[in-house]
Amino acid sequence: MLLWKIYFFFIALISFPLYLGGASGHSLEFATDLGFFVVLMIGFFGLAWRTKLINNQFWKIFFPICVIWNLGHAYYTSEGTFTVVITAIYFPTLIAIFLYAFKSEDIWNQELP
C-alpha cells in the first residue's frame, strides 16, 4: 500500500497546479472533469489508506462512468503527445478505483470502530 500512497501524493501534487490554473478553462467541461477527479481521488484515498468511503456500490457504478469520461475526454481534447503522456500518468488511478470497487472485500467487510 505504500506505493499507492506515494502515487496518491504524486498525482495530487501534479494535479493541483493544473486544476488551480484552470488548464481546461472555466467551462462545464472543466467543472465536470474537476468533479470526476475529486471523486476519483476520494476513492483512491480509500484504497491507499484501506478505509471505507461512501459505499462499495457507488464505486462499482462510478468506475465505468469514470473510465468512459476520462478516455472520452482525453480523446476529444487530444493535443498530441501531451495528452498521451497525461493519460498514461493518470491511468493507474483508474486501476486503483477498479481495485477499490471490485477487489477490496477486506476493506468493505471490515467492522467500523
C-alpha atoms as a PDB file:
ATOM      1  CA  MET A   1       0.000   0.000   0.000  1.00  0.00           C
ATOM      2  CA  LEU A   2       2.977   2.300   0.387  1.00  0.00           C
ATOM      3  CA  LEU A   3       3.313   2.593  -3.400  1.00  0.00           C
ATOM      4  CA  TRP A   4      -0.366   3.591  -3.701  1.00  0.00           C
ATOM      5  CA  LYS A   5       0.155   6.258  -1.034  1.00  0.00           C
ATOM      6  CA  ILE A   6       3.225   7.638  -2.802  1.00  0.00           C
ATOM      7  CA  TYR A   7       1.388   7.639  -6.133  1.00  0.00           C
ATOM      8  CA  PHE A   8      -1.617   9.337  -4.497  1.00  0.00           C
ATOM      9  CA  PHE A   9       0.576  12.232  -3.342  1.00  0.00           C
ATOM     10  CA  PHE A  10       2.335  12.375  -6.704  1.00  0.00           C
ATOM     11  CA  ILE A  11      -0.991  12.694  -8.566  1.00  0.00           C
ATOM     12  CA  ALA A  12      -2.265  15.253  -6.070  1.00  0.00           C
ATOM     13  CA  LEU A  13       0.893  17.338  -6.447  1.00  0.00           C
ATOM     14  CA  ILE A  14       0.912  17.347 -10.239  1.00  0.00           C
ATOM     15  CA  SER A  15      -2.851  17.878 -10.473  1.00  0.00           C
ATOM     16  CA  PHE A  16      -3.125  20.787  -8.076  1.00  0.00           C
ATOM     17  CA  PRO A  17      -1.385  23.293 -10.369  1.00  0.00           C
ATOM     18  CA  LEU A  18      -3.287  22.025 -13.421  1.00  0.00           C
ATOM     19  CA  TYR A  19      -6.697  22.487 -11.836  1.00  0.00           C
ATOM     20  CA  LEU A  20      -5.765  25.603  -9.918  1.00  0.00           C
ATOM     21  CA  GLY A  21      -4.527  27.197 -13.125  1.00  0.00           C
ATOM     22  CA  GLY A  22      -7.710  26.166 -14.906  1.00  0.00           C
ATOM     23  CA  ALA A  23      -5.897  24.155 -17.564  1.00  0.00           C
ATOM     24  CA  SER A  24      -9.215  23.286 -19.179  1.00  0.00           C
ATOM     25  CA  GLY A  25     -10.805  26.697 -18.728  1.00  0.00           C
ATOM     26  CA  HIS A  26     -13.816  27.640 -16.651  1.00  0.00           C
ATOM     27  CA  SER A  27     -16.429  25.761 -18.609  1.00  0.00           C
ATOM     28  CA  LEU A  28     -18.885  22.965 -17.956  1.00  0.00           C
ATOM     29  CA  GLU A  29     -16.227  20.572 -19.293  1.00  0.00           C
ATOM     30  CA  PHE A  30     -13.685  21.828 -16.749  1.00  0.00           C
ATOM     31  CA  ALA A  31     -16.198  21.608 -13.891  1.00  0.00           C
ATOM     32  CA  THR A  32     -17.180  18.063 -14.897  1.00  0.00           C
ATOM     33  CA  ASP A  33     -13.570  16.984 -15.216  1.00  0.00           C
ATOM     34  CA  LEU A  34     -12.737  18.509 -11.834  1.00  0.00           C
ATOM     35  CA  GLY A  35     -15.737  16.782 -10.259  1.00  0.00           C
ATOM     36  CA  PHE A  36     -14.704  13.396 -11.627  1.00  0.00           C
ATOM     37  CA  PHE A  37     -11.145  13.999 -10.450  1.00  0.00           C
ATOM     38  CA  VAL A  38     -12.180  14.926  -6.898  1.00  0.00           C
ATOM     39  CA  VAL A  39     -14.418  11.859  -6.554  1.00  0.00           C
ATOM     40  CA  LEU A  40     -11.718   9.674  -8.107  1.00  0.00           C
ATOM     41  CA  MET A  41      -9.195  10.953  -5.564  1.00  0.00           C
ATOM     42  CA  ILE A  42     -11.619  10.214  -2.713  1.00  0.00           C
ATOM     43  CA  GLY A  43     -11.831   6.594  -3.862  1.00  0.00           C
ATOM     44  CA  PHE A  44      -8.101   6.447  -4.449  1.00  0.00           C
ATOM     45  CA  PHE A  45      -7.552   7.680  -0.887  1.00  0.00           C
ATOM     46  CA  GLY A  46      -9.886   4.949   0.374  1.00  0.00           C
ATOM     47  CA  LEU A  47      -7.830   2.273  -1.370  1.00  0.00           C
ATOM     48  CA  ALA A  48      -4.430   3.657  -0.363  1.00  0.00           C
ATOM     49  CA  TRP A  49      -5.414   4.032   3.299  1.00  0.00           C
ATOM     50  CA  ARG A  50      -7.630   0.916   3.352  1.00  0.00           C
ATOM     51  CA  THR A  51     -10.733   2.710   4.584  1.00  0.00           C
ATOM     52  CA  LYS A  52     -14.413   2.693   3.652  1.00  0.00           C
ATOM     53  CA  LEU A  53     -15.520   5.856   1.906  1.00  0.00           C
ATOM     54  CA  ILE A  54     -19.069   6.246   0.592  1.00  0.00           C
ATOM     55  CA  ASN A  55     -20.024   2.627  -0.211  1.00  0.00           C
ATOM     56  CA  ASN A  56     -18.976  -0.246  -2.419  1.00  0.00           C
ATOM     57  CA  GLN A  57     -21.966   0.006  -4.768  1.00  0.00           C
ATOM     58  CA  PHE A  58     -21.185   3.658  -5.500  1.00  0.00           C
ATOM     59  CA  TRP A  59     -17.641   2.777  -6.608  1.00  0.00           C
ATOM     60  CA  LYS A  60     -18.877  -0.104  -8.773  1.00  0.00           C
ATOM     61  CA  ILE A  61     -21.147   2.341 -10.605  1.00  0.00           C
ATOM     62  CA  PHE A  62     -18.624   5.184 -10.622  1.00  0.00           C
ATOM     63  CA  PHE A  63     -15.780   3.127 -12.115  1.00  0.00           C
ATOM     64  CA  PRO A  64     -17.163   2.501 -15.638  1.00  0.00           C
ATOM     65  CA  ILE A  65     -18.595   6.024 -15.840  1.00  0.00           C
ATOM     66  CA  CYS A  66     -15.210   7.451 -14.830  1.00  0.00           C
ATOM     67  CA  VAL A  67     -13.392   5.311 -17.423  1.00  0.00           C
ATOM     68  CA  ILE A  68     -15.753   6.488 -20.156  1.00  0.00           C
ATOM     69  CA  TRP A  69     -15.376  10.124 -19.085  1.00  0.00           C
ATOM     70  CA  ASN A  70     -11.587  10.017 -18.824  1.00  0.00           C
ATOM     71  CA  LEU A  71     -10.941   8.201 -22.087  1.00  0.00           C
ATOM     72  CA  GLY A  72     -13.552  10.254 -23.940  1.00  0.00           C
ATOM     73  CA  HIS A  73     -12.209  13.488 -22.505  1.00  0.00           C
ATOM     74  CA  ALA A  74      -8.652  12.511 -23.463  1.00  0.00           C
ATOM     75  CA  TYR A  75      -9.790  11.651 -26.987  1.00  0.00           C
ATOM     76  CA  TYR A  76     -11.755  14.846 -27.578  1.00  0.00           C
ATOM     77  CA  THR A  77      -9.198  17.177 -26.032  1.00  0.00           C
ATOM     78  CA  SER A  78      -6.239  15.418 -27.606  1.00  0.00           C
ATOM     79  CA  GLU A  79      -3.277  17.690 -28.110  1.00  0.00           C
ATOM     80  CA  GLY A  80      -0.861  15.078 -29.375  1.00  0.00           C
ATOM     81  CA  THR A  81       1.885  13.690 -27.221  1.00  0.00           C
ATOM     82  CA  PHE A  82       0.955  15.749 -24.131  1.00  0.00           C
ATOM     83  CA  THR A  83      -2.468  14.087 -23.921  1.00  0.00           C
ATOM     84  CA  VAL A  84      -0.985  10.615 -24.331  1.00  0.00           C
ATOM     85  CA  VAL A  85       1.565  11.255 -21.571  1.00  0.00           C
ATOM     86  CA  ILE A  86      -1.016  12.720 -19.168  1.00  0.00           C
ATOM     87  CA  THR A  87      -3.413   9.830 -19.845  1.00  0.00           C
ATOM     88  CA  ALA A  88      -0.616   7.326 -19.172  1.00  0.00           C
ATOM     89  CA  ILE A  89       0.338   9.076 -15.921  1.00  0.00           C
ATOM     90  CA  TYR A  90      -3.270   9.106 -14.678  1.00  0.00           C
ATOM     91  CA  PHE A  91      -4.192   5.589 -15.861  1.00  0.00           C
ATOM     92  CA  PRO A  92      -3.176   3.897 -12.563  1.00  0.00           C
ATOM     93  CA  THR A  93      -5.827   5.992 -10.782  1.00  0.00           C
ATOM     94  CA  LEU A  94      -8.446   4.096 -12.774  1.00  0.00           C
ATOM     95  CA  ILE A  95      -6.812   0.821 -11.770  1.00  0.00           C
ATOM     96  CA  ALA A  96      -6.963   1.980  -8.139  1.00  0.00           C
ATOM     97  CA  ILE A  97     -10.708   2.673  -8.399  1.00  0.00           C
ATOM     98  CA  PHE A  98     -11.252  -0.727 -10.018  1.00  0.00           C
ATOM     99  CA  LEU A  99      -9.363  -2.429  -7.186  1.00  0.00           C
ATOM    100  CA  TYR A 100     -11.229  -0.399  -4.576  1.00  0.00           C
ATOM    101  CA  ALA A 101     -14.638  -1.213  -6.069  1.00  0.00           C
ATOM    102  CA  PHE A 102     -14.199  -4.833  -7.104  1.00  0.00           C
ATOM    103  CA  LYS A 103     -11.171  -6.364  -5.375  1.00  0.00           C
ATOM    104  CA  SER A 104     -11.119  -4.935  -1.848  1.00  0.00           C
ATOM    105  CA  GLU A 105     -13.551  -7.121   0.032  1.00  0.00           C
ATOM    106  CA  ASP A 106     -11.303  -6.880   3.087  1.00  0.00           C
ATOM    107  CA  ILE A 107     -11.967  -3.116   3.217  1.00  0.00           C
ATOM    108  CA  TRP A 108     -15.714  -3.361   2.640  1.00  0.00           C
ATOM    109  CA  ASN A 109     -16.189  -6.258   5.096  1.00  0.00           C
ATOM    110  CA  GLN A 110     -14.302  -4.663   7.980  1.00  0.00           C
ATOM    111  CA  GLU A 111     -16.259  -3.575  11.001  1.00  0.00           C
ATOM    112  CA  LEU A 112     -16.374   0.117  11.821  1.00  0.00           C
ATOM    113  CA  PRO A 113     -14.825   1.040  15.182  1.00  0.00           C
END
